[in-house]
Amino acid sequence: MNKLLTLALVPLLLVGCDRSRDVDNTERNVRDRDMKTLTPGDQKEDATDRTITQNIRKAIMADSALSANADNVKIITINGRVTLRGVVNSDAEKASIQDKAQAAVSGAGNVDNQLEVKKMNK
């Protein structure tokens, strides 16, 4: 199933979900308001940085093995240094995205991988 169709169906699937387990992102949201934490709004208008971000996003979107969570990670490039933020479904997704970012900027030293692996309910 293509990703656009999947995303369009998500609201329909959520209708029957148990709402008693609301997600509390309060701590994460407060952290994102801290001026030290990079957000997509920090992305500069530098053509080189934009191109790096675009290339990483294209590589992620082209990988059909990645989840919708992985497709939606935040990619912030400033002066050639990439910061990855967001939640992914597995350690494998986290590593795959980091590899794609490293390939786009020529090296691990230029990638700050802050991706978090989603905790699965047991």
C-alpha atoms as a PDB file:
ATOM      1  CA  MET A   1       0.000   0.000   0.000  1.00  0.00           C
ATOM      2  CA  ASN A   2       1.464   3.381  -0.822  1.00  0.00           C
ATOM      3  CA  LYS A   3       2.359   5.742   2.014  1.00  0.00           C
ATOM      4  CA  LEU A   4      -0.126   8.477   1.055  1.00  0.00           C
ATOM      5  CA  LEU A   5      -3.022   6.036   1.138  1.00  0.00           C
ATOM      6  CA  THR A   6      -1.787   4.656   4.446  1.00  0.00           C
ATOM      7  CA  LEU A   7      -1.626   8.143   5.965  1.00  0.00           C
ATOM      8  CA  ALA A   8      -5.111   8.927   4.658  1.00  0.00           C
ATOM      9  CA  LEU A   9      -6.510   5.807   6.334  1.00  0.00           C
ATOM     10  CA  VAL A  10      -4.948   6.435   9.764  1.00  0.00           C
ATOM     11  CA  PRO A  11      -7.823   8.657  11.036  1.00  0.00           C
ATOM     12  CA  LEU A  12     -10.319   5.985  10.008  1.00  0.00           C
ATOM     13  CA  LEU A  13      -8.376   3.308  11.854  1.00  0.00           C
ATOM     14  CA  LEU A  14      -8.169   5.412  15.002  1.00  0.00           C
ATOM     15  CA  VAL A  15     -11.956   5.613  15.353  1.00  0.00           C
ATOM     16  CA  GLY A  16     -12.070   2.233  17.097  1.00  0.00           C
ATOM     17  CA  CYS A  17      -8.921   2.691  19.173  1.00  0.00           C
ATOM     18  CA  ASP A  18      -8.895   2.676  22.951  1.00  0.00           C
ATOM     19  CA  ARG A  19      -8.696   6.358  23.929  1.00  0.00           C
ATOM     20  CA  SER A  20      -8.017   5.583  27.597  1.00  0.00           C
ATOM     21  CA  ARG A  21      -4.282   5.425  26.857  1.00  0.00           C
ATOM     22  CA  ASP A  22      -3.714   9.014  25.723  1.00  0.00           C
ATOM     23  CA  VAL A  23      -0.132   9.891  24.937  1.00  0.00           C
ATOM     24  CA  ASP A  24       1.372  12.529  27.177  1.00  0.00           C
ATOM     25  CA  ASN A  25       4.019  14.496  25.298  1.00  0.00           C
ATOM     26  CA  THR A  26       4.187  17.308  27.848  1.00  0.00           C
ATOM     27  CA  GLU A  27       7.835  16.742  28.792  1.00  0.00           C
ATOM     28  CA  ARG A  28       8.905  16.430  25.156  1.00  0.00           C
ATOM     29  CA  ASN A  29       6.958  19.570  24.199  1.00  0.00           C
ATOM     30  CA  VAL A  30       8.507  21.580  27.041  1.00  0.00           C
ATOM     31  CA  ARG A  31      11.955  20.354  25.988  1.00  0.00           C
ATOM     32  CA  ASP A  32      11.281  21.528  22.425  1.00  0.00           C
ATOM     33  CA  ARG A  33      10.576  25.061  23.694  1.00  0.00           C
ATOM     34  CA  ASP A  34      14.068  25.191  25.223  1.00  0.00           C
ATOM     35  CA  MET A  35      16.186  27.488  23.060  1.00  0.00           C
ATOM     36  CA  LYS A  36      19.013  24.886  23.151  1.00  0.00           C
ATOM     37  CA  THR A  37      16.945  22.203  21.402  1.00  0.00           C
ATOM     38  CA  LEU A  38      16.972  22.303  17.616  1.00  0.00           C
ATOM     39  CA  THR A  39      13.644  22.199  15.811  1.00  0.00           C
ATOM     40  CA  PRO A  40      12.860  22.334  12.073  1.00  0.00           C
ATOM     41  CA  GLY A  41      12.390  26.085  12.479  1.00  0.00           C
ATOM     42  CA  ASP A  42      16.137  26.342  13.058  1.00  0.00           C
ATOM     43  CA  GLN A  43      16.877  25.061   9.536  1.00  0.00           C
ATOM     44  CA  LYS A  44      18.786  27.801   7.720  1.00  0.00           C
ATOM     45  CA  GLU A  45      18.001  29.059   4.247  1.00  0.00           C
ATOM     46  CA  ASP A  46      21.517  28.160   3.092  1.00  0.00           C
ATOM     47  CA  ALA A  47      21.235  26.315  -0.237  1.00  0.00           C
ATOM     48  CA  THR A  48      23.803  23.673   0.737  1.00  0.00           C
ATOM     49  CA  ASP A  49      22.051  22.898   4.036  1.00  0.00           C
ATOM     50  CA  ARG A  50      18.650  22.728   2.332  1.00  0.00           C
ATOM     51  CA  THR A  51      20.042  20.346  -0.284  1.00  0.00           C
ATOM     52  CA  ILE A  52      21.497  18.068   2.395  1.00  0.00           C
ATOM     53  CA  THR A  53      18.146  17.972   4.227  1.00  0.00           C
ATOM     54  CA  GLN A  54      16.275  17.322   0.970  1.00  0.00           C
ATOM     55  CA  ASN A  55      18.615  14.483  -0.004  1.00  0.00           C
ATOM     56  CA  ILE A  56      18.214  12.781   3.359  1.00  0.00           C
ATOM     57  CA  ARG A  57      14.421  13.156   3.196  1.00  0.00           C
ATOM     58  CA  LYS A  58      14.375  11.708  -0.340  1.00  0.00           C
ATOM     59  CA  ALA A  59      16.477   8.730   0.766  1.00  0.00           C
ATOM     60  CA  ILE A  60      14.137   8.077   3.706  1.00  0.00           C
ATOM     61  CA  MET A  61      11.004   8.355   1.571  1.00  0.00           C
ATOM     62  CA  ALA A  62      12.476   6.052  -1.089  1.00  0.00           C
ATOM     63  CA  ASP A  63      13.004   3.287   1.485  1.00  0.00           C
ATOM     64  CA  SER A  64       9.704   1.387   1.588  1.00  0.00           C
ATOM     65  CA  ALA A  65      10.935  -0.685   4.540  1.00  0.00           C
ATOM     66  CA  LEU A  66      10.704   2.355   6.835  1.00  0.00           C
ATOM     67  CA  SER A  67       7.580   3.136   8.855  1.00  0.00           C
ATOM     68  CA  ALA A  68       5.464   6.278   8.774  1.00  0.00           C
ATOM     69  CA  ASN A  69       7.193   7.312  12.009  1.00  0.00           C
ATOM     70  CA  ALA A  70      10.549   7.094  10.250  1.00  0.00           C
ATOM     71  CA  ASP A  71       9.203   9.058   7.278  1.00  0.00           C
ATOM     72  CA  ASN A  72       8.298  11.894   9.659  1.00  0.00           C
ATOM     73  CA  VAL A  73      11.559  12.354  11.564  1.00  0.00           C
ATOM     74  CA  LYS A  74      12.865  15.883  11.869  1.00  0.00           C
ATOM     75  CA  ILE A  75      15.987  16.643   9.843  1.00  0.00           C
ATOM     76  CA  ILE A  76      17.734  19.904  10.695  1.00  0.00           C
ATOM     77  CA  THR A  77      20.913  20.896   8.851  1.00  0.00           C
ATOM     78  CA  ILE A  78      22.967  23.861   9.985  1.00  0.00           C
ATOM     79  CA  ASN A  79      26.387  24.594   8.484  1.00  0.00           C
ATOM     80  CA  GLY A  80      26.641  21.038   7.141  1.00  0.00           C
ATOM     81  CA  ARG A  81      25.855  19.411  10.491  1.00  0.00           C
ATOM     82  CA  VAL A  82      22.685  17.298  10.580  1.00  0.00           C
ATOM     83  CA  THR A  83      20.511  16.739  13.645  1.00  0.00           C
ATOM     84  CA  LEU A  84      17.960  13.916  13.518  1.00  0.00           C
ATOM     85  CA  ARG A  85      15.029  14.074  15.931  1.00  0.00           C
ATOM     86  CA  GLY A  86      11.816  12.157  16.406  1.00  0.00           C
ATOM     87  CA  VAL A  87      10.527   8.693  17.153  1.00  0.00           C
ATOM     88  CA  VAL A  88      11.135   5.571  15.062  1.00  0.00           C
ATOM     89  CA  ASN A  89       9.798   2.042  15.488  1.00  0.00           C
ATOM     90  CA  SER A  90      13.071   0.145  15.933  1.00  0.00           C
ATOM     91  CA  ASP A  91      16.816   0.288  16.389  1.00  0.00           C
ATOM     92  CA  ALA A  92      17.106  -0.857  12.755  1.00  0.00           C
ATOM     93  CA  GLU A  93      15.138   2.184  11.546  1.00  0.00           C
ATOM     94  CA  LYS A  94      17.257   4.471  13.698  1.00  0.00           C
ATOM     95  CA  ALA A  95      20.448   3.007  12.216  1.00  0.00           C
ATOM     96  CA  SER A  96      19.101   3.129   8.659  1.00  0.00           C
ATOM     97  CA  ILE A  97      18.221   6.821   8.924  1.00  0.00           C
ATOM     98  CA  GLN A  98      21.588   7.599  10.486  1.00  0.00           C
ATOM     99  CA  ASP A  99      23.333   5.785   7.608  1.00  0.00           C
ATOM    100  CA  LYS A 100      21.354   7.826   5.066  1.00  0.00           C
ATOM    101  CA  ALA A 101      22.275  11.064   6.844  1.00  0.00           C
ATOM    102  CA  GLN A 102      25.951  10.116   7.076  1.00  0.00           C
ATOM    103  CA  ALA A 103      26.027   9.344   3.351  1.00  0.00           C
ATOM    104  CA  ALA A 104      24.551  12.792   2.618  1.00  0.00           C
ATOM    105  CA  VAL A 105      27.124  14.684   4.699  1.00  0.00           C
ATOM    106  CA  SER A 106      30.169  12.443   4.365  1.00  0.00           C
ATOM    107  CA  GLY A 107      30.670  11.200   7.869  1.00  0.00           C
ATOM    108  CA  ALA A 108      29.401  10.302  11.293  1.00  0.00           C
ATOM    109  CA  GLY A 109      30.988  13.348  12.909  1.00  0.00           C
ATOM    110  CA  ASN A 110      28.496  15.559  11.101  1.00  0.00           C
ATOM    111  CA  VAL A 111      25.367  13.716  12.279  1.00  0.00           C
ATOM    112  CA  ASP A 112      23.797  14.151  15.705  1.00  0.00           C
ATOM    113  CA  ASN A 113      21.362  11.246  15.983  1.00  0.00           C
ATOM    114  CA  GLN A 114      18.776  12.124  18.642  1.00  0.00           C
ATOM    115  CA  LEU A 115      16.185   9.661  17.308  1.00  0.00           C
ATOM    116  CA  GLU A 116      14.240   7.758  19.945  1.00  0.00           C
ATOM    117  CA  VAL A 117      13.004   4.197  19.546  1.00  0.00           C
ATOM    118  CA  LYS A 118       9.290   3.839  20.255  1.00  0.00           C
ATOM    119  CA  LYS A 119       8.560   1.762  23.326  1.00  0.00           C
ATOM    120  CA  MET A 120       6.321  -1.119  22.374  1.00  0.00           C
ATOM    121  CA  ASN A 121       3.509  -2.151  24.718  1.00  0.00           C
ATOM    122  CA  LYS A 122       3.811  -5.771  25.814  1.00  0.00           C
END
